[in-house]
Amino acid sequence: MDSGHLRALKAGSWSKLICGASYQDTASIEPLSWVFTLAGVNCIDVCADPAVVAAARRGIQRAGTTPPLLMVSLNDDTDPHFRKAHFDPQVCPPDCPRPCERVCPVQAISTAGVDAARCYGCGRCLEICPYQYITARTYVHRPAAVIELLHHQPIAALEIHTQTGHEHSFAHLWRQLQPWVQRLQVLAISCPDHPQVIPYLWNLYKIITPLPCALIWQADGRPMSGDIGAGTTWATVRLAQKILDRGPPGFVQLAGGTNQATWPLVQKLNLPVHGVAYGSYARKSLQPYLQNLDNSDVLAAAVHTAQELIAPKRPDAGDWAFAAAPAPTVPG
């Protein structure tokens, strides 16, 4: 592992951009990767799609600075991160007020239906449809496709999305990945909260041990909701505290509901997590800039916005102190 990224994990200042396990909008992923690389992010997590990986790599290379680790995500079984909304626009009544369009955070819904590349499966449209015409199409990544990516692309990190009770499917997936584990610098395991989540994580730890790379437990508090409001961050903080108190060895990183309120809350509680991953909130915050990054002033503002989010802030008092990342050199 690049020593800077490892130091960030150990120091508790690790940051990750989540482009989304199902998000395939390459027109946004490339500039997002460019901006967050300039901002000094440690890792960029994308879906296991060759076109998406290529877009992220273009953005990273365009930055011309220390590259973050490139991570791909897969699931061991059915998981809400791996789904797409779908409906037939021909059956929609012409007088429908179309609340689905208003609630979609990425403008993936129109009179033509759902733009599958943009949809990342947040599910907000499913319940709001007054006719219940919208359904979710779920899928499970084929390990062979991910292994192909690991073989041909500079993928340094892997994230497995799992849920309590998936021991058998996780073990099966892990056996298939075993020949390629030596290539990894980081393995992240993302799991939502559950009354039995701690015993479950210990079971997973037994399956993957010994592990030749760094291990991150991703506390997936309230998935795909960080752009809704500041309060969503509480769920991941509560889950992280459980893992820190009783969970297996490994680094602990927040995700799911993370936003601008996350680091202040971590510092207020003096919670010794090792980092934070930002998804929907980060993407939404940067969206206004992405079409005009050729303007050096816009690029500088975008990088500043990204850095303000991912660089842990030094509190006024106490031992919980991190040095902010140095300001990037912005082309232009």
Protein backbone atom coordinates (compact mmCIF):
# COMPACT_ATOMS: atom_id res chain seq x y z
CA MET A 1 0.00 0.00 0.00
CA ASP A 2 1.13 3.55 -0.68
CA SER A 3 2.57 4.67 2.66
CA GLY A 4 0.53 7.86 2.61
CA HIS A 5 -2.75 5.99 2.39
CA LEU A 6 -1.70 3.56 5.12
CA ARG A 7 -0.66 6.45 7.35
CA ALA A 8 -4.04 8.05 6.77
CA LEU A 9 -5.80 4.90 7.96
CA LYS A 10 -3.61 4.60 11.02
CA ALA A 11 -3.95 8.29 11.86
CA GLY A 12 -7.72 8.30 11.50
CA SER A 13 -7.76 10.69 8.54
CA TRP A 14 -8.66 8.25 5.76
CA SER A 15 -11.22 9.52 3.25
CA LYS A 16 -13.05 7.80 0.43
CA LEU A 17 -15.29 8.97 -2.40
CA ILE A 18 -18.12 6.54 -3.07
CA CYS A 19 -19.20 6.89 -6.68
CA GLY A 20 -21.77 4.17 -6.05
CA ALA A 21 -21.86 0.40 -6.40
CA SER A 22 -24.53 0.76 -9.11
CA TYR A 23 -23.76 4.26 -10.41
CA GLN A 24 -22.63 4.14 -14.05
CA ASP A 25 -22.82 7.77 -15.14
CA THR A 26 -19.31 8.01 -16.58
CA ALA A 27 -19.89 11.65 -17.54
CA SER A 28 -20.00 12.48 -13.82
CA ILE A 29 -17.59 9.85 -12.50
CA GLU A 30 -14.62 11.11 -14.53
CA PRO A 31 -14.78 14.75 -13.31
CA LEU A 32 -15.64 13.63 -9.76
CA SER A 33 -12.51 11.47 -9.74
CA TRP A 34 -10.45 14.37 -11.09
CA VAL A 35 -11.65 16.81 -8.42
CA PHE A 36 -11.39 14.44 -5.48
CA THR A 37 -7.93 13.28 -6.53
CA LEU A 38 -6.81 16.92 -6.55
CA ALA A 39 -8.43 17.31 -3.13
CA GLY A 40 -6.29 14.47 -1.75
CA VAL A 41 -8.83 11.68 -1.27
CA ASN A 42 -7.30 8.33 -0.29
CA CYS A 43 -9.66 6.05 -2.18
CA ILE A 44 -12.28 6.17 -4.92
CA ASP A 45 -14.89 3.41 -4.89
CA VAL A 46 -16.69 2.62 -8.16
CA CYS A 47 -18.93 -0.10 -9.50
CA ALA A 48 -17.35 -3.15 -11.10
CA ASP A 49 -17.96 -1.99 -14.64
CA PRO A 50 -14.99 -1.67 -17.04
CA ALA A 51 -16.35 1.57 -18.53
CA VAL A 52 -16.78 3.10 -15.09
CA VAL A 53 -13.31 1.99 -13.97
CA ALA A 54 -11.87 3.53 -17.14
CA ALA A 55 -13.69 6.81 -16.49
CA ALA A 56 -12.41 6.97 -12.92
CA ARG A 57 -8.87 6.26 -14.10
CA ARG A 58 -9.06 9.08 -16.66
CA GLY A 59 -10.09 11.50 -13.94
CA ILE A 60 -7.36 10.30 -11.59
CA GLN A 61 -4.69 10.53 -14.28
CA ARG A 62 -5.85 13.99 -15.33
CA ALA A 63 -5.13 15.26 -11.82
CA GLY A 64 -1.45 14.44 -12.27
CA THR A 65 -0.87 14.06 -8.55
CA THR A 66 -0.59 11.17 -6.06
CA PRO A 67 -3.34 8.76 -7.13
CA PRO A 68 -5.88 7.44 -4.66
CA LEU A 69 -6.50 3.73 -4.37
CA LEU A 70 -9.07 2.58 -6.89
CA MET A 71 -11.68 0.28 -5.35
CA VAL A 72 -14.47 -1.76 -6.92
CA SER A 73 -17.55 -3.05 -5.11
CA LEU A 74 -19.38 -6.35 -5.36
CA ASN A 75 -22.05 -8.15 -3.37
CA ASP A 76 -22.25 -11.64 -1.94
CA ASP A 77 -26.04 -11.81 -2.35
CA THR A 78 -29.02 -9.52 -2.87
CA ASP A 79 -28.20 -6.05 -1.54
CA PRO A 80 -29.91 -2.63 -1.85
CA HIS A 81 -26.71 -1.10 -3.25
CA PHE A 82 -27.04 -3.38 -6.28
CA ARG A 83 -30.36 -2.50 -7.81
CA LYS A 84 -31.95 -0.19 -10.36
CA ALA A 85 -35.38 1.41 -10.42
CA HIS A 86 -37.58 0.48 -13.35
CA PHE A 87 -41.02 1.31 -14.71
CA ASP A 88 -42.81 1.37 -18.02
CA PRO A 89 -43.53 5.04 -18.83
CA GLN A 90 -46.33 3.97 -21.18
CA VAL A 91 -48.51 2.94 -18.24
CA CYS A 92 -48.13 6.19 -16.32
CA PRO A 93 -51.37 8.21 -16.27
CA PRO A 94 -50.95 11.51 -18.15
CA ASP A 95 -52.22 13.48 -15.16
CA CYS A 96 -49.75 11.90 -12.69
CA PRO A 97 -47.92 14.63 -10.71
CA ARG A 98 -44.72 12.53 -11.13
CA PRO A 99 -43.31 12.86 -7.60
CA CYS A 100 -40.68 10.30 -8.63
CA GLU A 101 -38.95 12.92 -10.77
CA ARG A 102 -38.79 15.41 -7.91
CA VAL A 103 -37.45 12.93 -5.36
CA CYS A 104 -34.72 11.42 -7.57
CA PRO A 105 -31.37 12.83 -6.40
CA VAL A 106 -29.64 12.33 -9.78
CA GLN A 107 -32.43 13.29 -12.19
CA ALA A 108 -32.51 9.73 -13.52
CA ILE A 109 -36.30 9.74 -14.05
CA SER A 110 -38.11 11.38 -16.95
CA THR A 111 -41.12 10.77 -19.17
CA ALA A 112 -38.92 8.25 -20.99
CA GLY A 113 -38.49 6.12 -17.84
CA VAL A 114 -35.37 5.52 -15.74
CA ASP A 115 -31.88 6.30 -16.98
CA ALA A 116 -30.23 3.13 -15.67
CA ALA A 117 -26.70 4.57 -15.85
CA ARG A 118 -27.61 7.38 -13.48
CA CYS A 119 -29.79 5.38 -11.10
CA TYR A 120 -27.82 4.09 -8.11
CA GLY A 121 -30.65 2.35 -6.33
CA CYS A 122 -31.45 4.74 -3.49
CA GLY A 123 -35.07 3.57 -3.60
CA ARG A 124 -36.68 6.92 -2.86
CA CYS A 125 -38.93 6.66 -5.90
CA LEU A 126 -40.27 3.21 -5.00
CA GLU A 127 -42.58 4.24 -2.17
CA ILE A 128 -43.50 7.68 -3.47
CA CYS A 129 -45.07 6.48 -6.73
CA PRO A 130 -48.84 7.00 -6.22
CA TYR A 131 -49.60 3.96 -8.39
CA GLN A 132 -46.77 1.71 -7.17
CA TYR A 133 -45.60 1.21 -10.75
CA ILE A 134 -41.90 1.53 -9.94
CA THR A 135 -40.02 -1.64 -9.05
CA ALA A 136 -36.42 -2.45 -8.19
CA ARG A 137 -34.35 -4.76 -10.34
CA THR A 138 -31.64 -6.32 -8.23
CA TYR A 139 -28.53 -8.12 -9.39
CA VAL A 140 -25.49 -9.91 -7.98
CA HIS A 141 -22.07 -9.26 -9.52
CA ARG A 142 -20.46 -12.27 -11.10
CA PRO A 143 -17.11 -12.86 -9.35
CA ALA A 144 -15.58 -13.76 -12.70
CA ALA A 145 -16.24 -10.24 -14.00
CA VAL A 146 -14.62 -8.69 -10.94
CA ILE A 147 -11.64 -11.04 -11.20
CA GLU A 148 -11.25 -9.95 -14.83
CA LEU A 149 -11.06 -6.34 -13.65
CA LEU A 150 -8.53 -7.23 -10.96
CA HIS A 151 -6.42 -8.95 -13.57
CA HIS A 152 -6.45 -6.23 -16.23
CA GLN A 153 -6.95 -2.98 -14.31
CA PRO A 154 -4.91 -1.34 -11.52
CA ILE A 155 -7.54 -2.17 -8.90
CA ALA A 156 -5.84 -1.91 -5.51
CA ALA A 157 -8.87 -2.33 -3.26
CA LEU A 158 -12.03 -4.38 -3.09
CA GLU A 159 -15.24 -3.85 -1.16
CA ILE A 160 -17.67 -6.65 -0.41
CA HIS A 161 -21.23 -5.66 0.51
CA THR A 162 -22.81 -8.19 2.82
CA GLN A 163 -25.55 -8.52 5.43
CA THR A 164 -26.04 -10.48 8.61
CA GLY A 165 -26.93 -14.07 7.75
CA HIS A 166 -24.92 -14.20 4.52
CA GLU A 167 -22.09 -16.39 5.90
CA HIS A 168 -22.48 -19.11 3.29
CA SER A 169 -22.70 -16.78 0.30
CA PHE A 170 -19.83 -14.69 1.65
CA ALA A 171 -17.64 -17.78 2.13
CA HIS A 172 -18.48 -18.98 -1.38
CA LEU A 173 -17.55 -15.60 -2.86
CA TRP A 174 -14.35 -15.47 -0.82
CA ARG A 175 -13.25 -18.86 -2.11
CA GLN A 176 -13.65 -17.61 -5.67
CA LEU A 177 -11.65 -14.47 -4.94
CA GLN A 178 -8.91 -16.24 -3.01
CA PRO A 179 -6.40 -16.56 -5.89
CA TRP A 180 -6.48 -12.76 -6.35
CA VAL A 181 -6.37 -11.55 -2.77
CA GLN A 182 -2.60 -11.15 -2.90
CA ARG A 183 -3.08 -8.34 -5.43
CA LEU A 184 -5.10 -6.24 -2.98
CA GLN A 185 -3.83 -3.46 -0.77
CA VAL A 186 -7.17 -2.95 1.00
CA LEU A 187 -10.19 -5.12 1.63
CA ALA A 188 -13.32 -3.34 2.86
CA ILE A 189 -16.34 -5.21 4.17
CA SER A 190 -19.52 -3.15 4.23
CA CYS A 191 -22.37 -4.27 6.45
CA PRO A 192 -25.53 -2.57 7.78
CA ASP A 193 -26.57 -2.66 11.42
CA HIS A 194 -28.44 -5.63 12.89
CA PRO A 195 -28.89 -7.06 16.40
CA GLN A 196 -26.44 -9.84 15.47
CA VAL A 197 -24.03 -7.75 13.42
CA ILE A 198 -21.06 -8.14 15.80
CA PRO A 199 -21.11 -11.97 15.90
CA TYR A 200 -21.58 -11.90 12.14
CA LEU A 201 -18.49 -9.73 11.60
CA TRP A 202 -16.46 -12.07 13.81
CA ASN A 203 -17.61 -14.98 11.62
CA LEU A 204 -16.44 -13.11 8.52
CA TYR A 205 -13.14 -12.35 10.19
CA LYS A 206 -12.57 -16.07 10.71
CA ILE A 207 -13.34 -16.72 7.03
CA ILE A 208 -10.87 -14.13 5.66
CA THR A 209 -8.03 -14.62 8.15
CA PRO A 210 -5.12 -14.57 7.46
CA LEU A 211 -5.38 -11.53 5.24
CA PRO A 212 -2.34 -10.08 3.42
CA CYS A 213 -3.71 -6.53 3.20
CA ALA A 214 -5.35 -3.85 5.31
CA LEU A 215 -8.91 -4.60 6.46
CA ILE A 216 -11.62 -1.95 6.78
CA TRP A 217 -14.96 -2.56 8.42
CA GLN A 218 -17.35 -0.13 6.73
CA ALA A 219 -20.13 0.83 9.13
CA ASP A 220 -22.97 1.28 6.64
CA GLY A 221 -25.35 3.17 8.85
CA ARG A 222 -28.08 4.54 6.58
CA PRO A 223 -27.20 3.65 3.00
CA MET A 224 -27.42 6.20 0.19
CA SER A 225 -28.98 8.93 2.30
CA GLY A 226 -26.31 11.49 3.18
CA ASP A 227 -27.83 14.14 0.93
CA ILE A 228 -31.17 14.03 2.78
CA GLY A 229 -30.10 15.89 5.91
CA ALA A 230 -27.52 16.17 8.68
CA GLY A 231 -29.30 13.72 10.97
CA THR A 232 -28.63 10.73 8.72
CA THR A 233 -25.06 10.52 10.03
CA TRP A 234 -26.17 9.29 13.46
CA ALA A 235 -26.90 5.77 12.24
CA THR A 236 -23.35 5.15 11.03
CA VAL A 237 -21.87 6.65 14.18
CA ARG A 238 -23.92 4.27 16.35
CA LEU A 239 -22.90 1.26 14.26
CA ALA A 240 -19.24 2.28 14.28
CA GLN A 241 -19.29 2.54 18.06
CA LYS A 242 -20.57 -1.04 18.30
CA ILE A 243 -17.79 -2.30 16.00
CA LEU A 244 -15.12 -0.35 17.88
CA ASP A 245 -16.36 -1.69 21.23
CA ARG A 246 -16.90 -5.35 20.38
CA GLY A 247 -15.97 -6.00 16.78
CA PRO A 248 -13.04 -7.92 15.28
CA PRO A 249 -9.63 -6.36 14.48
CA GLY A 250 -9.44 -3.94 11.59
CA PHE A 251 -9.89 -0.30 10.72
CA VAL A 252 -13.37 1.19 11.13
CA GLN A 253 -14.73 3.61 8.56
CA LEU A 254 -18.04 5.45 8.47
CA ALA A 255 -20.39 5.32 5.48
CA GLY A 256 -24.10 5.46 4.76
CA GLY A 257 -25.68 8.80 5.67
CA THR A 258 -22.37 10.65 5.88
CA ASN A 259 -22.30 14.36 5.08
CA GLN A 260 -21.02 17.71 6.32
CA ALA A 261 -22.20 16.88 9.86
CA THR A 262 -20.20 13.65 10.17
CA TRP A 263 -16.73 14.84 11.24
CA PRO A 264 -18.07 17.43 13.72
CA LEU A 265 -20.13 14.68 15.35
CA VAL A 266 -17.17 12.28 15.40
CA GLN A 267 -15.06 14.93 17.10
CA LYS A 268 -17.79 15.87 19.57
CA LEU A 269 -18.12 12.23 20.62
CA ASN A 270 -14.34 11.65 20.47
CA LEU A 271 -15.07 8.54 18.41
CA PRO A 272 -11.78 6.93 17.31
CA VAL A 273 -12.83 5.86 13.82
CA HIS A 274 -10.20 5.67 11.10
CA GLY A 275 -11.98 7.49 8.32
CA VAL A 276 -15.13 8.45 6.48
CA ALA A 277 -16.53 7.57 3.06
CA TYR A 278 -18.81 10.06 1.34
CA GLY A 279 -21.27 9.12 -1.37
CA SER A 280 -24.52 10.84 -2.31
CA TYR A 281 -23.73 14.01 -0.36
CA ALA A 282 -20.31 14.37 -2.00
CA ARG A 283 -21.67 13.80 -5.48
CA LYS A 284 -24.54 16.24 -4.96
CA SER A 285 -22.21 18.90 -3.52
CA LEU A 286 -19.94 18.74 -6.56
CA GLN A 287 -22.63 18.45 -9.23
CA PRO A 288 -22.97 22.22 -9.84
CA TYR A 289 -19.29 22.43 -10.81
CA LEU A 290 -18.84 19.40 -13.03
CA GLN A 291 -19.90 20.93 -16.35
CA ASN A 292 -17.49 23.86 -16.11
CA LEU A 293 -14.24 22.43 -14.73
CA ASP A 294 -12.25 23.75 -17.69
CA ASN A 295 -12.64 27.14 -16.01
CA SER A 296 -9.77 27.33 -13.51
CA ASP A 297 -11.83 29.32 -11.00
CA VAL A 298 -14.62 26.74 -11.08
CA LEU A 299 -12.10 23.93 -10.73
CA ALA A 300 -10.48 25.65 -7.76
CA ALA A 301 -13.89 26.11 -6.10
CA ALA A 302 -14.78 22.46 -6.74
CA VAL A 303 -11.50 21.23 -5.25
CA HIS A 304 -11.99 23.48 -2.23
CA THR A 305 -15.52 22.12 -1.71
CA ALA A 306 -14.25 18.54 -1.91
CA GLN A 307 -11.36 19.22 0.42
CA GLU A 308 -13.57 20.93 2.98
CA LEU A 309 -15.62 17.74 3.11
CA ILE A 310 -12.90 15.07 3.23
CA ALA A 311 -10.14 16.80 5.21
CA PRO A 312 -10.79 16.21 8.94
CA LYS A 313 -10.96 19.44 10.87
CA ARG A 314 -8.88 20.14 13.93
CA PRO A 315 -11.15 20.61 16.97
CA ASP A 316 -10.68 23.49 19.34
CA ALA A 317 -9.66 21.26 22.23
CA GLY A 318 -8.90 17.69 23.18
CA ASP A 319 -6.65 15.01 21.78
CA TRP A 320 -8.72 14.32 18.66
CA ALA A 321 -6.57 16.27 16.20
CA PHE A 322 -5.73 15.68 12.56
CA ALA A 323 -3.65 17.72 10.18
CA ALA A 324 -5.59 18.87 7.15
CA ALA A 325 -4.28 17.78 3.77
CA PRO A 326 -2.10 20.34 1.99
CA ALA A 327 -3.84 22.57 -0.50
CA PRO A 328 -3.60 21.06 -4.00
CA THR A 329 -1.99 22.79 -6.93
CA VAL A 330 -4.86 23.51 -9.26
CA PRO A 331 -4.06 23.72 -12.97
CA GLY A 332 -5.08 26.84 -14.78
